[in-house]
Amino acid sequence: MIYSTEVKNMCSVHQGVHHGAAPIPEEAKWVSAKDVKDISGYTHGIGWCAPQQGACKLSLNVKDGIIQEALVETIGCSGMTHSAAMASEILPGLTVLEALNTDLVCDAINTAMRELFLQIVYGRTQSAFSEEGLQIGAGLEDLGKGARSMVGTTYGTLAKGPRYLELTDGYITELAIDENDEIIGYKFVNFGKMMDFIKKGDEPAEALKKASGKYGRVDDAVKFIDPRKE
């Protein structure tokens, strides 16, 4: 250890009271984290790239400092989806400190990792007060049946009004329009369910029918429009 002349010439003063690291809530325990292995928790975070043309939602399940589970969801950039594929291979097995300093290929994923690191080390996780935290596999449960991300895609212009293209229900096939030309509901296809039906042996047309549904006052519509073509 090298000290400057100014420090060497100082007299010593006792440091006084020091209580150590403040405890943070981790999986129904209060932990004074002093090492990376003291960190546990399940949490989500959002990241964005420098030109802000895409975003990433990252979900991590950390046990004793090690990332055990990673869910990477991206939107808005084609290159980002391929980066997400790499990140899902890279992240599990790393400590949260290693992951923070690892090139996850995409700016948005790196930013999401940074935001999650802050949440985890400050104890602001979804599982902060859940005894023993969430089981490994909780990330897939976020996706629900069909294991597809919940995506909302809508579009609108002043001249022609709104178009719902995809919502949590699924891919919008038709918009229900009333006599005032306002949207009062829609018909949709849940692609996750449709693929499950097909994998079980259903013919595509039958699978499409079984995976279709409607929401809102569809029965009161005076007309239906294809939001992508009309």
C-alpha atoms as a PDB file:
ATOM      1  CA  MET A   1       0.000   0.000   0.000  1.00  0.00           C
ATOM      2  CA  ILE A   2       1.479   3.350  -1.029  1.00  0.00           C
ATOM      3  CA  TYR A   3       0.525   6.494   0.930  1.00  0.00           C
ATOM      4  CA  SER A   4       1.133  10.084  -0.129  1.00  0.00           C
ATOM      5  CA  THR A   5       3.381  12.307   1.982  1.00  0.00           C
ATOM      6  CA  GLU A   6       0.329  14.316   3.092  1.00  0.00           C
ATOM      7  CA  VAL A   7      -1.377  11.197   4.456  1.00  0.00           C
ATOM      8  CA  LYS A   8       1.819   9.966   6.133  1.00  0.00           C
ATOM      9  CA  ASN A   9       2.116  13.261   7.999  1.00  0.00           C
ATOM     10  CA  MET A  10      -1.471  13.115   9.340  1.00  0.00           C
ATOM     11  CA  CYS A  11      -2.162  12.105  12.935  1.00  0.00           C
ATOM     12  CA  SER A  12      -4.417   9.083  13.517  1.00  0.00           C
ATOM     13  CA  VAL A  13      -8.049   9.573  14.552  1.00  0.00           C
ATOM     14  CA  HIS A  14     -10.282   6.644  15.569  1.00  0.00           C
ATOM     15  CA  GLN A  15     -12.961   5.883  12.977  1.00  0.00           C
ATOM     16  CA  GLY A  16     -15.787   5.594  15.501  1.00  0.00           C
ATOM     17  CA  VAL A  17     -19.138   3.835  15.021  1.00  0.00           C
ATOM     18  CA  HIS A  18     -19.506   1.593  11.998  1.00  0.00           C
ATOM     19  CA  HIS A  19     -22.448  -0.823  11.808  1.00  0.00           C
ATOM     20  CA  GLY A  20     -21.483  -2.535   8.557  1.00  0.00           C
ATOM     21  CA  ALA A  21     -23.765  -3.188   5.605  1.00  0.00           C
ATOM     22  CA  ALA A  22     -27.415  -2.294   6.097  1.00  0.00           C
ATOM     23  CA  PRO A  23     -29.617  -5.424   5.898  1.00  0.00           C
ATOM     24  CA  ILE A  24     -31.704  -5.974   2.766  1.00  0.00           C
ATOM     25  CA  PRO A  25     -34.774  -8.237   2.385  1.00  0.00           C
ATOM     26  CA  GLU A  26     -33.958 -11.454   0.564  1.00  0.00           C
ATOM     27  CA  GLU A  27     -36.407 -14.313   0.300  1.00  0.00           C
ATOM     28  CA  ALA A  28     -38.004 -13.618   3.711  1.00  0.00           C
ATOM     29  CA  LYS A  29     -34.632 -13.012   5.411  1.00  0.00           C
ATOM     30  CA  TRP A  30     -32.748  -9.852   6.331  1.00  0.00           C
ATOM     31  CA  VAL A  31     -29.247 -10.160   4.923  1.00  0.00           C
ATOM     32  CA  SER A  32     -26.221  -7.914   5.442  1.00  0.00           C
ATOM     33  CA  ALA A  33     -24.623  -8.628   2.084  1.00  0.00           C
ATOM     34  CA  LYS A  34     -20.831  -8.508   2.190  1.00  0.00           C
ATOM     35  CA  ASP A  35     -20.047 -10.906  -0.627  1.00  0.00           C
ATOM     36  CA  VAL A  36     -21.639 -11.784  -3.962  1.00  0.00           C
ATOM     37  CA  LYS A  37     -22.694 -15.176  -2.567  1.00  0.00           C
ATOM     38  CA  ASP A  38     -24.921 -13.346  -0.055  1.00  0.00           C
ATOM     39  CA  ILE A  39     -27.231 -12.184  -2.864  1.00  0.00           C
ATOM     40  CA  SER A  40     -30.455 -14.043  -3.709  1.00  0.00           C
ATOM     41  CA  GLY A  41     -33.714 -13.003  -5.349  1.00  0.00           C
ATOM     42  CA  TYR A  42     -36.024 -13.196  -8.360  1.00  0.00           C
ATOM     43  CA  THR A  43     -36.655  -9.996 -10.289  1.00  0.00           C
ATOM     44  CA  HIS A  44     -37.421  -8.361 -13.650  1.00  0.00           C
ATOM     45  CA  GLY A  45     -35.898  -5.352 -15.362  1.00  0.00           C
ATOM     46  CA  ILE A  46     -36.134  -3.395 -18.601  1.00  0.00           C
ATOM     47  CA  GLY A  47     -33.218  -2.283 -20.775  1.00  0.00           C
ATOM     48  CA  TRP A  48     -32.924  -0.249 -23.956  1.00  0.00           C
ATOM     49  CA  CYS A  49     -30.268   0.265 -26.592  1.00  0.00           C
ATOM     50  CA  ALA A  50     -28.431   3.508 -27.315  1.00  0.00           C
ATOM     51  CA  PRO A  51     -30.585   4.535 -30.326  1.00  0.00           C
ATOM     52  CA  GLN A  52     -33.632   3.373 -28.327  1.00  0.00           C
ATOM     53  CA  GLN A  53     -34.977   1.349 -31.219  1.00  0.00           C
ATOM     54  CA  GLY A  54     -35.498  -1.778 -29.137  1.00  0.00           C
ATOM     55  CA  ALA A  55     -36.052  -2.946 -25.568  1.00  0.00           C
ATOM     56  CA  CYS A  56     -35.362  -6.025 -23.453  1.00  0.00           C
ATOM     57  CA  LYS A  57     -37.237  -7.409 -20.469  1.00  0.00           C
ATOM     58  CA  LEU A  58     -34.869  -9.589 -18.459  1.00  0.00           C
ATOM     59  CA  SER A  59     -35.962 -11.881 -15.617  1.00  0.00           C
ATOM     60  CA  LEU A  60     -33.358 -13.513 -13.363  1.00  0.00           C
ATOM     61  CA  ASN A  61     -33.605 -16.053 -10.564  1.00  0.00           C
ATOM     62  CA  VAL A  62     -30.497 -15.754  -8.377  1.00  0.00           C
ATOM     63  CA  LYS A  63     -29.587 -18.179  -5.592  1.00  0.00           C
ATOM     64  CA  ASP A  64     -26.506 -17.547  -3.409  1.00  0.00           C
ATOM     65  CA  GLY A  65     -25.098 -15.121  -5.950  1.00  0.00           C
ATOM     66  CA  ILE A  66     -25.413 -17.500  -8.928  1.00  0.00           C
ATOM     67  CA  ILE A  67     -27.896 -16.927 -11.754  1.00  0.00           C
ATOM     68  CA  GLN A  68     -29.910 -20.141 -11.947  1.00  0.00           C
ATOM     69  CA  GLU A  69     -32.561 -19.017 -14.454  1.00  0.00           C
ATOM     70  CA  ALA A  70     -32.793 -16.311 -17.105  1.00  0.00           C
ATOM     71  CA  LEU A  71     -35.749 -15.253 -19.240  1.00  0.00           C
ATOM     72  CA  VAL A  72     -34.838 -12.840 -22.046  1.00  0.00           C
ATOM     73  CA  GLU A  73     -37.676 -11.125 -23.927  1.00  0.00           C
ATOM     74  CA  THR A  74     -36.928  -8.571 -26.647  1.00  0.00           C
ATOM     75  CA  ILE A  75     -38.905  -6.338 -28.984  1.00  0.00           C
ATOM     76  CA  GLY A  76     -38.270  -3.841 -31.746  1.00  0.00           C
ATOM     77  CA  CYS A  77     -34.965  -5.029 -33.212  1.00  0.00           C
ATOM     78  CA  SER A  78     -34.279  -8.155 -35.263  1.00  0.00           C
ATOM     79  CA  GLY A  79     -30.627  -8.356 -34.191  1.00  0.00           C
ATOM     80  CA  MET A  80     -31.684  -8.183 -30.559  1.00  0.00           C
ATOM     81  CA  THR A  81     -33.579 -11.470 -30.791  1.00  0.00           C
ATOM     82  CA  HIS A  82     -30.401 -13.282 -31.839  1.00  0.00           C
ATOM     83  CA  SER A  83     -28.467 -11.564 -29.070  1.00  0.00           C
ATOM     84  CA  ALA A  84     -31.133 -12.809 -26.643  1.00  0.00           C
ATOM     85  CA  ALA A  85     -30.475 -16.369 -27.802  1.00  0.00           C
ATOM     86  CA  MET A  86     -26.816 -15.946 -26.857  1.00  0.00           C
ATOM     87  CA  ALA A  87     -27.661 -14.259 -23.547  1.00  0.00           C
ATOM     88  CA  SER A  88     -29.839 -17.210 -22.496  1.00  0.00           C
ATOM     89  CA  GLU A  89     -26.737 -19.409 -22.890  1.00  0.00           C
ATOM     90  CA  ILE A  90     -24.352 -16.976 -21.235  1.00  0.00           C
ATOM     91  CA  LEU A  91     -26.219 -15.896 -18.090  1.00  0.00           C
ATOM     92  CA  PRO A  92     -27.069 -19.107 -16.175  1.00  0.00           C
ATOM     93  CA  GLY A  93     -24.111 -20.118 -14.013  1.00  0.00           C
ATOM     94  CA  LEU A  94     -22.601 -16.642 -13.715  1.00  0.00           C
ATOM     95  CA  THR A  95     -22.559 -14.618 -10.530  1.00  0.00           C
ATOM     96  CA  VAL A  96     -24.506 -11.360 -10.717  1.00  0.00           C
ATOM     97  CA  LEU A  97     -21.162  -9.521 -10.669  1.00  0.00           C
ATOM     98  CA  GLU A  98     -19.811 -11.561 -13.583  1.00  0.00           C
ATOM     99  CA  ALA A  99     -23.029 -10.996 -15.523  1.00  0.00           C
ATOM    100  CA  LEU A 100     -22.807  -7.258 -14.936  1.00  0.00           C
ATOM    101  CA  ASN A 101     -19.368  -7.244 -16.537  1.00  0.00           C
ATOM    102  CA  THR A 102     -20.120  -9.697 -19.344  1.00  0.00           C
ATOM    103  CA  ASP A 103     -20.776  -8.601 -22.918  1.00  0.00           C
ATOM    104  CA  LEU A 104     -24.348  -9.747 -23.521  1.00  0.00           C
ATOM    105  CA  VAL A 105     -23.986  -8.706 -27.190  1.00  0.00           C
ATOM    106  CA  CYS A 106     -26.875  -6.222 -27.218  1.00  0.00           C
ATOM    107  CA  ASP A 107     -26.994  -2.793 -25.533  1.00  0.00           C
ATOM    108  CA  ALA A 108     -30.568  -3.343 -24.399  1.00  0.00           C
ATOM    109  CA  ILE A 109     -29.750  -6.665 -22.704  1.00  0.00           C
ATOM    110  CA  ASN A 110     -26.661  -5.163 -21.061  1.00  0.00           C
ATOM    111  CA  THR A 111     -28.743  -2.253 -19.777  1.00  0.00           C
ATOM    112  CA  ALA A 112     -31.391  -4.626 -18.443  1.00  0.00           C
ATOM    113  CA  MET A 113     -28.655  -6.560 -16.596  1.00  0.00           C
ATOM    114  CA  ARG A 114     -27.449  -3.317 -15.041  1.00  0.00           C
ATOM    115  CA  GLU A 115     -30.941  -2.402 -13.865  1.00  0.00           C
ATOM    116  CA  LEU A 116     -31.522  -5.886 -12.431  1.00  0.00           C
ATOM    117  CA  PHE A 117     -28.191  -5.809 -10.616  1.00  0.00           C
ATOM    118  CA  LEU A 118     -29.292  -2.648  -8.811  1.00  0.00           C
ATOM    119  CA  GLN A 119     -32.624  -4.202  -7.828  1.00  0.00           C
ATOM    120  CA  ILE A 120     -31.021  -7.406  -6.591  1.00  0.00           C
ATOM    121  CA  VAL A 121     -28.230  -5.887  -4.500  1.00  0.00           C
ATOM    122  CA  TYR A 122     -30.626  -3.403  -2.881  1.00  0.00           C
ATOM    123  CA  GLY A 123     -33.161  -6.131  -2.044  1.00  0.00           C
ATOM    124  CA  ARG A 124     -35.878  -4.747  -4.301  1.00  0.00           C
ATOM    125  CA  THR A 125     -36.869  -8.086  -5.807  1.00  0.00           C
ATOM    126  CA  GLN A 126     -40.187  -9.741  -6.473  1.00  0.00           C
ATOM    127  CA  SER A 127     -39.257 -12.470  -3.989  1.00  0.00           C
ATOM    128  CA  ALA A 128     -37.897 -10.196  -1.250  1.00  0.00           C
ATOM    129  CA  PHE A 129     -40.523 -11.343   1.240  1.00  0.00           C
ATOM    130  CA  SER A 130     -41.248 -14.830  -0.187  1.00  0.00           C
ATOM    131  CA  GLU A 131     -39.855 -17.561   2.050  1.00  0.00           C
ATOM    132  CA  GLU A 132     -36.970 -19.274   0.247  1.00  0.00           C
ATOM    133  CA  GLY A 133     -37.836 -17.230  -2.846  1.00  0.00           C
ATOM    134  CA  LEU A 134     -39.328 -18.532  -6.088  1.00  0.00           C
ATOM    135  CA  GLN A 135     -38.550 -21.964  -7.496  1.00  0.00           C
ATOM    136  CA  ILE A 136     -36.379 -22.376 -10.557  1.00  0.00           C
ATOM    137  CA  GLY A 137     -38.882 -22.325 -13.404  1.00  0.00           C
ATOM    138  CA  ALA A 138     -40.736 -19.241 -12.211  1.00  0.00           C
ATOM    139  CA  GLY A 139     -39.599 -17.427 -15.348  1.00  0.00           C
ATOM    140  CA  LEU A 140     -41.535 -19.787 -17.595  1.00  0.00           C
ATOM    141  CA  GLU A 141     -44.626 -19.297 -15.442  1.00  0.00           C
ATOM    142  CA  ASP A 142     -44.487 -15.593 -16.356  1.00  0.00           C
ATOM    143  CA  LEU A 143     -45.124 -16.586 -19.966  1.00  0.00           C
ATOM    144  CA  GLY A 144     -48.253 -18.563 -19.186  1.00  0.00           C
ATOM    145  CA  LYS A 145     -49.769 -21.311 -21.337  1.00  0.00           C
ATOM    146  CA  GLY A 146     -48.142 -21.629 -24.725  1.00  0.00           C
ATOM    147  CA  ALA A 147     -44.889 -20.156 -23.375  1.00  0.00           C
ATOM    148  CA  ARG A 148     -45.143 -16.936 -25.390  1.00  0.00           C
ATOM    149  CA  SER A 149     -44.271 -13.405 -24.353  1.00  0.00           C
ATOM    150  CA  MET A 150     -47.167 -11.066 -23.689  1.00  0.00           C
ATOM    151  CA  VAL A 151     -46.887  -8.552 -26.507  1.00  0.00           C
ATOM    152  CA  GLY A 152     -49.065  -5.576 -27.309  1.00  0.00           C
ATOM    153  CA  THR A 153     -48.876  -4.061 -30.788  1.00  0.00           C
ATOM    154  CA  THR A 154     -51.244  -1.254 -31.715  1.00  0.00           C
ATOM    155  CA  TYR A 155     -51.154   1.417 -34.405  1.00  0.00           C
ATOM    156  CA  GLY A 156     -53.107   4.566 -35.119  1.00  0.00           C
ATOM    157  CA  THR A 157     -53.297   7.592 -37.411  1.00  0.00           C
ATOM    158  CA  LEU A 158     -55.230  10.824 -37.109  1.00  0.00           C
ATOM    159  CA  ALA A 159     -56.729  10.224 -40.529  1.00  0.00           C
ATOM    160  CA  LYS A 160     -57.884   6.633 -40.081  1.00  0.00           C
ATOM    161  CA  GLY A 161     -57.912   5.974 -36.322  1.00  0.00           C
ATOM    162  CA  PRO A 162     -56.607   3.052 -34.253  1.00  0.00           C
ATOM    163  CA  ARG A 163     -55.745  -0.528 -35.217  1.00  0.00           C
ATOM    164  CA  TYR A 164     -55.203  -3.273 -32.649  1.00  0.00           C
ATOM    165  CA  LEU A 165     -52.752  -5.794 -34.110  1.00  0.00           C
ATOM    166  CA  GLU A 166     -51.771  -7.999 -31.179  1.00  0.00           C
ATOM    167  CA  LEU A 167     -52.688  -7.986 -27.498  1.00  0.00           C
ATOM    168  CA  THR A 168     -52.173 -10.361 -24.571  1.00  0.00           C
ATOM    169  CA  ASP A 169     -55.093 -12.444 -25.883  1.00  0.00           C
ATOM    170  CA  GLY A 170     -53.194 -13.050 -29.108  1.00  0.00           C
ATOM    171  CA  TYR A 171     -53.034 -12.075 -32.768  1.00  0.00           C
ATOM    172  CA  ILE A 172     -56.009  -9.868 -33.663  1.00  0.00           C
ATOM    173  CA  THR A 173     -57.832 -11.162 -36.732  1.00  0.00           C
ATOM    174  CA  GLU A 174     -60.822  -8.777 -36.800  1.00  0.00           C
ATOM    175  CA  LEU A 175     -61.902  -5.598 -35.073  1.00  0.00           C
ATOM    176  CA  ALA A 176     -65.555  -5.260 -34.096  1.00  0.00           C
ATOM    177  CA  ILE A 177     -66.925  -1.844 -35.135  1.00  0.00           C
ATOM    178  CA  ASP A 178     -70.199  -0.228 -34.009  1.00  0.00           C
ATOM    179  CA  GLU A 179     -72.488   2.229 -35.789  1.00  0.00           C
ATOM    180  CA  ASN A 180     -70.242   5.136 -34.702  1.00  0.00           C
ATOM    181  CA  ASP A 181     -67.196   3.493 -36.313  1.00  0.00           C
ATOM    182  CA  GLU A 182     -65.698   2.867 -32.869  1.00  0.00           C
ATOM    183  CA  ILE A 183     -63.933  -0.330 -31.758  1.00  0.00           C
ATOM    184  CA  ILE A 184     -66.093  -2.297 -29.330  1.00  0.00           C
ATOM    185  CA  GLY A 185     -64.233  -5.622 -29.360  1.00  0.00           C
ATOM    186  CA  TYR A 186     -62.105  -7.964 -31.395  1.00  0.00           C
ATOM    187  CA  LYS A 187     -61.540 -11.543 -32.505  1.00  0.00           C
ATOM    188  CA  PHE A 188     -58.154 -13.140 -31.919  1.00  0.00           C
ATOM    189  CA  VAL A 189     -56.021 -16.263 -32.293  1.00  0.00           C
ATOM    190  CA  ASN A 190     -53.748 -17.449 -29.499  1.00  0.00           C
ATOM    191  CA  PHE A 191     -50.740 -18.764 -31.435  1.00  0.00           C
ATOM    192  CA  GLY A 192     -49.286 -20.567 -28.428  1.00  0.00           C
ATOM    193  CA  LYS A 193     -52.440 -22.602 -27.927  1.00  0.00           C
ATOM    194  CA  MET A 194     -52.793 -23.176 -31.672  1.00  0.00           C
ATOM    195  CA  MET A 195     -49.296 -24.659 -31.908  1.00  0.00           C
ATOM    196  CA  ASP A 196     -49.985 -26.866 -28.891  1.00  0.00           C
ATOM    197  CA  PHE A 197     -53.110 -28.234 -30.621  1.00  0.00           C
ATOM    198  CA  ILE A 198     -51.163 -28.876 -33.834  1.00  0.00           C
ATOM    199  CA  LYS A 199     -48.365 -30.653 -31.944  1.00  0.00           C
ATOM    200  CA  LYS A 200     -50.984 -32.890 -30.363  1.00  0.00           C
ATOM    201  CA  GLY A 201     -52.200 -33.949 -33.812  1.00  0.00           C
ATOM    202  CA  ASP A 202     -55.006 -31.526 -34.679  1.00  0.00           C
ATOM    203  CA  GLU A 203     -55.335 -30.404 -38.282  1.00  0.00           C
ATOM    204  CA  PRO A 204     -54.268 -26.743 -38.707  1.00  0.00           C
ATOM    205  CA  ALA A 205     -57.814 -25.565 -39.539  1.00  0.00           C
ATOM    206  CA  GLU A 206     -59.217 -27.294 -36.456  1.00  0.00           C
ATOM    207  CA  ALA A 207     -56.366 -25.979 -34.278  1.00  0.00           C
ATOM    208  CA  LEU A 208     -57.016 -22.450 -35.554  1.00  0.00           C
ATOM    209  CA  LYS A 209     -60.695 -22.741 -34.666  1.00  0.00           C
ATOM    210  CA  LYS A 210     -59.997 -24.103 -31.159  1.00  0.00           C
ATOM    211  CA  ALA A 211     -57.404 -21.392 -30.441  1.00  0.00           C
ATOM    212  CA  SER A 212     -59.672 -18.549 -31.589  1.00  0.00           C
ATOM    213  CA  GLY A 213     -61.670 -16.326 -29.283  1.00  0.00           C
ATOM    214  CA  LYS A 214     -63.314 -12.958 -28.927  1.00  0.00           C
ATOM    215  CA  TYR A 215     -63.328 -10.089 -26.455  1.00  0.00           C
ATOM    216  CA  GLY A 216     -65.704  -7.218 -25.854  1.00  0.00           C
ATOM    217  CA  ARG A 217     -69.117  -6.512 -27.418  1.00  0.00           C
ATOM    218  CA  VAL A 218     -68.362  -8.502 -30.542  1.00  0.00           C
ATOM    219  CA  ASP A 219     -71.981  -9.627 -30.952  1.00  0.00           C
ATOM    220  CA  ASP A 220     -73.137  -5.995 -31.132  1.00  0.00           C
ATOM    221  CA  ALA A 221     -70.841  -5.070 -34.017  1.00  0.00           C
ATOM    222  CA  VAL A 222     -72.322  -3.718 -37.234  1.00  0.00           C
ATOM    223  CA  LYS A 223     -69.204  -4.661 -39.173  1.00  0.00           C
ATOM    224  CA  PHE A 224     -65.780  -6.279 -38.826  1.00  0.00           C
ATOM    225  CA  ILE A 225     -62.486  -5.126 -40.318  1.00  0.00           C
ATOM    226  CA  ASP A 226     -59.077  -6.752 -40.782  1.00  0.00           C
ATOM    227  CA  PRO A 227     -56.777  -4.340 -38.874  1.00  0.00           C
ATOM    228  CA  ARG A 228     -53.857  -5.129 -41.193  1.00  0.00           C
ATOM    229  CA  LYS A 229     -55.633  -4.595 -44.507  1.00  0.00           C
ATOM    230  CA  GLU A 230     -58.666  -2.368 -44.001  1.00  0.00           C
END
